[in-house]
Each structure stands twice: as C-alpha cells, then as structure tokens.
Amino acid sequence: MRVGVLGPLEVVTDGGPVRIGGARLRALLTLLALDAGRFVPVDSLAEALWPHGGPLDRAHALQSLVSRLRRALPGGVLRQGPGGYCLDVPPDAVDATRFERLAHEGGHALQEGRPDQAAALLREALALWRGEVADAVRLTELRLSAVEDRVRADLLRGAEPGPLVAELKELTAAHPLRERPRALLVQALHRQGRQAEALEAYESFRVLLADELGADPGPELQATHLAVLRGEAAGARGNLRAPLTSFVGRAEERAAIAARLRDNRLVTLVGPGGVGKSRLATKTAGELAVPGGVWLVELAPVTDPDDLVHAVAGALETAAPAQARPRDQLGRLAAALPAAETLIVLDDCEHLVEATARFAEDLLGRCPQLRVLATSREPLGILGEALFPVRPLPPDEGARLFAERAAAVRPDFSPDDEHAVAEICRRLDGLPLAIELAAARLRFLTAGQLAARLDDRFRVLTGGSRTALPRHRTLRAVVAWSWELLTDDERRSAQRLAVFPGTFAADAAPLVDELANKSLLQFTEGPRYRMLETIREYALERLAESGEPARARAEHAAYVLDLAERAAPELRGPGQLAGLQALRAERDNLLAALHYIRDIGDPSTAARLGRALSFFWTIGEDHAEAAAWLRLVLDVTDDPEVAAAYLLNVILSGDPTQASAEAGRLRELARDADPVIATVIRAGVASVTGEAAAGLAAIEAGEPCPDPWWRALLWFLRSALDGSLGDMEAMRDDLEAAVAAFRQTGERWGLAVSLSHLAFAQSTLGEAEAGIAALEESVRLARRLGTGDGDRVWLALLRVQIGDLDRARSELHGVLAGNPAAPLAGRAEVLLADLARADGDLAAAARHLERAARPGSTPDPSSTVLFLLASARLAMAQGRLDGAREQLAEAFELAASCRDLPLVGLVAVGVAELGLRRDPSGAAKVLGAAHALRGGAGARHPDVVRLTGALRDALGAGFPDGYDQGSRLDRGVALALVRARLTPP
C-alpha cells in the first residue's frame, strides 16, 4: 500500500486506488501516515482531530474512526499497540517520509562534495510534491531547504546559471527575508557575469533587513558580497587542494567545528593518530566562506622548531628570510597576511607542540583578523584555545567508508557480508586510516578473510599511498609515531594499562591523565578511560618485549580483586545500587582477572575473587552465564560459599544437568563449611537432583541463621523446593516470609526475585490480582537495578488471565519496543502468538512464532518449552495434529528434565487440548493431572477456560469425574499418564 499526503490524500494498493470517505477519516489516516511505522498515542491523535474539544468521550470516538479506517484499508495495516495506533507500512510507502529521506540524502551528498548525486536526489524529492500538505509548516520548511540545496548543488557542478537566476528570483520574491536564497542569487548572478546586479541584490536585501528587522546580513552573505567586490568566488583564496577521494560522514562534527571557529580564534582538533583530524580540518575549512582565504600548513615534515615560521610563510607564499631573527620573521609574516578575515590550518602539531603554541599565540596576538584551526594529538595548551576531540567514526559511517574505498580497488565489491564489514570496522576502532588500509587489502581478500586476519593487524594493514608520509603508510607506523613522542614513564604506564580489556578509572596506573592528554587514551563516562584496540595491541607487543607481561597481569588482578572486595559488602544491603554500578564498570576487567587466576591455578585468590563476585554475577548476569563463571572458579578452588552461589544460579537458570552430575563433590564441600552455607549447599543439591523432601529436611535441621540476608535466601530456597513438590500453598507462604526478610535487609534483587516467584504461586492458586501487584513491584525494582524487565512478559500473562487483553498487549509491545533483538523478546513474541491464535488470527500467530524462532530468542529451557507449546497449539488450530503431538512431546521431556513440575503441568494442558480431538474422556483426566502437577487448577488461564468449556460440552456430567481422577493422582503417576498420552498411536 502507498499513501500520498504531499497534496490531496491518495491511497493506492495492488488492487488500485482506495477511497477514504469523510474529512475526519482522511485526517486520521494523514496523521498516522506522517508517523508511519510508529505508534501514535491516542491522546495525540484525539487532540489533533478535535483541537477545540470535540465529543465528550474522545477515546471511544477515535476508536470508532479507527474501526471505520481499518475496514477501508488492507488487513493488518492498521495496528493497535502500546497506548496508540500505528500504520504498519514501510517508511518509503508514504511520499512525505520518502521526501524527507531523499532530501536528507541529497543534503548529505552536497555536504560531502558530490553535487551531481545531490542534484539528482533533490530533484527526485521535489517531484513528489503535488500541492498543499497536512503537516504544512515542517514539510514546507524541508521543501525550501531541499530547493536551496539543489540550487547550490547545481552551482557547484557548473550548471548553466541563467535558469537558476530566474528560479532564485522567484524564490526570493516569495520569501523576501530568507537569507540563503539571497546568497545563492548573488552567487548565481556573479557566476553569470552580472556583478552589478549581484551587488544590487545584496544591497536591496541589506536595506530590507535593516528596515524590517533592524539586523545586518549574516557572515555567509557578507563573505559572498566581499567576494563579488574582489571579483573572486567566495572562499576561493588559499592553497587547499581538491581531494582525490570523497569525504564520508561527520556532518555534525563539521558544523560544530565551524561554530567553534565563529566563537573562538584558535580551535584545536585533538585525537589519536589515524582518526582523521587532518582530513576533517581541511574539509571543514574548505566549506567556510573566508574572505582572506584558507591556508593549509603541513607541519609533519618540519623537524626543527626554528623552521616553523618558514613553513607557514612558504604555505602563504610570503617572505620570511632565513637570515632574519625569529621575532622579525614573525613580524614580516604578520604584516604579509591579508587584511580580511583569514584562516590558517596548522596540521600535525604534536611533535612541535611547544613551538607551535608559542607561534600561534604570538601570531594571533598580532593579527586580530586571523583564526587558526590546528590538528594535534595533544592540546597546544594556551589561553583562548578551544578543543574539539575527534572521535572514531560511528559504525554506519565506518562501513560506508570501507565500502567506498573497497569499491575503488575492486569495482565488483558489494558489501554482502555486512557482519564481516562491521566486525572489521569495530576491530579497527572506527579509525578512518585503518579502515582505508583494510579496504585496500580487498584486492586479494574477501571481507571475511580480512576480518579473520586482524589479530595480526600490523602485518596485514600495510601498503598505504606512496605519496603519503611514511608514518601514514602502515598501521604500525601510525601508532609508532605517537608512541615515540611519549616519555619512558608514559610508555611504561601505557604498557601496564594495555592489560585492561575494559575501561578503567584514573587510579588504575600512573600518568593516566597525561596519556589521555596525548590521545593514547579516550575519556568515557564514569569518568573512566579506554584504550583503543589498535593502540592496545601495539602496547601489548611492547609489553611482551619488555619481559614483564606476567607482572603486569598480576598487578591487574590484584587491583581488580581489591575493587571487588571493597564493593561486595554493599551488594547485600541498601547500598546495592552503588556497589552494582562500581562493579558493572569493571565487568571486562573482572573476567580478565578471573581467567588469569584460573590460568595460574591460584586457589586462594580464586576463592577470594569468587566470593567477592558471586552475588554480583547472580544479580547482573543471565543465571546460566553466572553459573558458568562460578563453575570456572570451582575448577580452581573448593570454596563452599562459591559452591552455594553456583547452586543458586543453577536453580534460577532452570537447567540442573551439570550440577546434578556433580552432586557428590558439592555435598563434600558442605562438610566443613559454615553451618548456614552448608545448609544452602545441601538444600541446593537436593533441588537440582529432584530430592525436594531431603532439601526441606536439610533446612529444618540447619542451625538458626543470624544473618537476615542468608535467612531470606533460605526462605527462598525452601519455596523452590515446595514448588517442585507441587505444594503451592507452602510455596506462597515461604515466599511471603522471604519477601518480608529481604525488605528488612534493604536488598532489592532478592526482593524482586521473591516477588516474581510469589506472583507465580499466587496466580496458580487463583490469586491473579495479588500476583499482578507483586509483579508490578518486581518490575519496578528490576528497572532500578538495571537487570532488565523480564517480568513484564509474565505480567502480561497474568493480565491475560484476568481478561485484561489490551494492557497485556501493550505490555508485550513495550518489551519489543525496548529491544526487539533481546532474548526476552522471544517470550513476548510467543505470548503475542497465543493471543493472536485465541483471536483466530492464525497468520499473525505464525508471524510472531517465526520471529520467536530466531537464534537466541529462546535462550533457556523454559523459554524453549513455551515456544514449543505455542507452536503445538497453533498446529492444532491449523489441523496438524501429528505435528502438534511431536512438539508437545519435545516440550514435555524438556520441562521434565528441568524438574520444573509447574512447567510440566502447563504442557499437560496442551496435551489435554490435543486429546479433546480424539478422546475427550481421557483429556479430562489429563487436565486434572495438569492440576496435580502444577499444584493448582490455573482455572483463569484462557486456554484452561476454553478447554474446560469444550470438555463440559463434550462429556456433560462425566467431566468432573474424569477431572477429579486426574487431580488426585500422585505426581509420578500423573507424569506417566501425560507421557503415555504423547505416545504415537
């Protein structure tokens, strides 16, 4: 479907034009089309449709309009979502959105010096306009900007100025106070040889501005006027050379640097070697209208500070005799500068930084009309200097640069392997020089082969331009140049910092601030620092040559251990958020220290680090991943507290397989442990081995626990054992005790997890409203902790159980809007598939399940079970009963292997639904068995409600008998019954 709003509203589908009747209905469609693909809030739509009040109940009136519009449009195009409605069409299906994209791309091409491409894109954009539009102010402004960009592009590419003059005269007449078309008109008249008319156009605008606004023309128009007076093109003076390659990206940086130069007379671009300072400086300078010209002074070849003035004089083609004293040389240079505003670009100042600082300060003091744009790996360090840090290219611009340079050396290059290109740009830190060197290697390699060889980047990335300075021809030379400018102490500090794989604080090593000042480190939020991977690899090479890598890694591990042990006590009390923040910043360093300690086999240090990090990993990681880290610690040390944390994460992950196989060793660790830790281990082992009664007995026999946090944890473990026995009432009571105990400690994570499990017990016992309240608090706590909002999917399911379908959908769409690629999104898609199936929209259900089937969308066993169950229910709805049975059998065995009886009970409901089609009497018994397995009827679950109604209709008075037979079964017998029902006939 295509929608046109740049003129009278028009809608076209594959079947032809669609008539949308009624002014308000057309207005609604226009509003949704202008935000195509995004949910527009109900309040915003209502306010726009009825700005002066309208009906008393605008929400219902809007709903009525939406229903009418939905009937007029193709199915599935108009969607309801989180708090509003969405026109679900691709952005380019709406002419206004396509216009904005084309205008943006055209303006971007113009900024990057591609006027031919810019003109074509802007003409295509402007051709979309058919008349007056709904969003008139914003889109009309965009259209004017697009017209101005297209005219400028035509001027730059040498188009015939006559037609442009006529067009610009019409534009200035329609918008007499708009400055940019007036500047373009002056340029076009000047280009046509009509200097007198150009000067008259400027003067008439100057008078108009003075009369109407009391203002003068802006700098760009003044510079254009001066250029006409001089008989030259604006900004044409100077020695900047035309580049041989396109400039990619950095539009915002160029605008920001230009603004800095308007406000400051000395601006220094600082950043590491290869980040593109020189090219950015010359590109920005070349775009400025500077009457006295832009003059580039390349300082890289200059080795003697006394030659600095000669280098500048030579670039400006002025006299500075060698025999004159330095002060006299500087005076002659200052006198020779143009009287008009002038810009000098001092490129590559770092090796002459002190001399350059003195020179710039002196010359700027002598020449008030002068501005200086410098590039350096460290600031010049004088008063009045405005710094502009140059960052690496963002991923999208890095990929564009790689693709353009790769196409230059291999015309048939197409970035089909986008993952490999992204990996190359990431590994090369987004450094333009490194990316260009890498792209040149595509003469002989594929992108995938190149990405695989970047571990040896300094050998691979050679062969730069023959005309470039030696230090720009290879990646190693780029870094070596910066390295040689360091002092010996700075080099030693950089080598020590290279063992930090993540960011680090200023106290991690000496001279951190000095290294950051010289662009060897990047400043990040925190405040913290990071070393670019390319610089880090070079520093690690130098560290290996020094013979001290083991010492550096040992110092790193000791530093990290100290941090962890100082932060750990905060995690189990009111200071939890601060402790989490401190350790999260060190995550990569923590893991590096762990691997180092494991590699050297130090059990004492491993135990200390494991104890310090056990609860941090429990809070901050996926529980399966946390269990893996703790298991790695247990490879080195037999520490009971680490074992207790390992078992807790195994239980929470829902996959007890490995821990069950190690039950004997884990029980041994409990023998000599602190009594409370010993109880936790014994209860945890019983949970993962399916011996819940023994686990409860171990807790009962354990000594009283004086610590409130460990006491709360024991209540939580007890509830898990109750749940595995199907005793949901005991589970609820124990969780209520755990919640009260965690509240006493002020610790948020244990409280959030206990509330989440309490909600499950309450909903199983038919207390869905209480479960919703518990889950809402759990979600609030998890958000504050930054541990995700996984309970929102579970919260949506509870809302389904009480019939609140709209809020359930809103909750799920909110999860997907947050991060549609996150593992949590898989569960959201599964539940949305169930809702669509219940509504009879099997096609939508299939789409949701297809998205849920993406790799990584079901990262844990319980998610996989829910996906298989939803897929089986869809197969039943489609009449594919054999396929449904196979999926149910897989889901049943997986849930049973996790010893999660409530989850098994959920699958049993699906088995009963399959039995309804073949043996209703047996299905009633299986539904009762699901009750026995779950520890509750789950009577408000929509699938249970529908199935119960269908069985009552099929069996009449016989339904209660069959159901009661199943609900009274021993859980082992109930499991056998369900498994038998899944056996192929």
Foldseek 3Di string as FASTA:
>chain_A
DAWEFLAPTWDADPVGTFDQDDPLLSVLVQVQLVVAPDFDALVVSLCVSCVPCPDPCSSVVVVVSLVVNCVRDDPPQWDDFFRGIHRHDPNVSYLLSQLLVLLVVLLQCLLFPNLVSSLVSLVVSLVSRDHAGDVRPVSVVSNVSSVLSNLVSCVSVPHQLPVVLVVLVVVCVVVVQDQSSLLSNLQSCLVVVNLVVSLVSQVVSQVVCCVPPVDGHDPSSVLCNVCSVVSHGFQPDEDQDDDPDTDFDPPVVLVVVVVVVVVFQAEEEAAAFLQCPVVSVSSSSSVDGFNQHEFEQECVVPQDLLCVLVSRCVRVVFDQDPPDDSVVSLVRSLVPRDLTQYEYEYEECANVLQSVLVSVVVSCVSRVSHGYYYYANFHSDDPRYHYDYRAADDQVRLLVLLQRLLCVLPVPDDVPVVVLSSLQCVLQRNRSLLSNLLSNLNNPDDSNVSSVPCVPQQVRRAQADPPDDPLSGTLVSSLVVLVVSDDPQVLVQLLLCLLQPAKAAPPLGPPPVVCVSSNQWPADPVRIIHGRNSNSSVSPVVCVVVVCPVVSLVSLLVVVLVLLQVLQVLCQFQNNLVSLVSVVRRVSSLVSSLVSCLVVLDLVSLLSSLLSCLVSCVQAHQLVVSLVSLVSSVVRYLALSSLLSNLVSCLVQLALVVVQVCLVSLLVSLPPDDQLSSLSSQLSNCLSNVNLVRNLVSLVPTDDDPDLSSVLVSLQSNLSSCQLQLQLVSSLVSLVVSLVSSVVRNNLRSNLVSLQVNLLSCLQAVNLVSSLVSLVSSQVSCVSSVRDRLCLQVSLQSCVLVPVNNVSSNSLVVNCVVPVVALSNLSSLLVVLVVCVVVVNLVSSVVSLVSSPPPSNQVGLLSLLSSLLSVLVSCVVVVNLLSSLVSLLVSLVSSVSSSRQLSNLVSLLSLLVSCLVPPLLLSLLSLLLSCQSRSHNSCSRVSNVVSLVSSCVVPPPSNVVSSVNNVPDNNVVSSVSSNVSSPDD
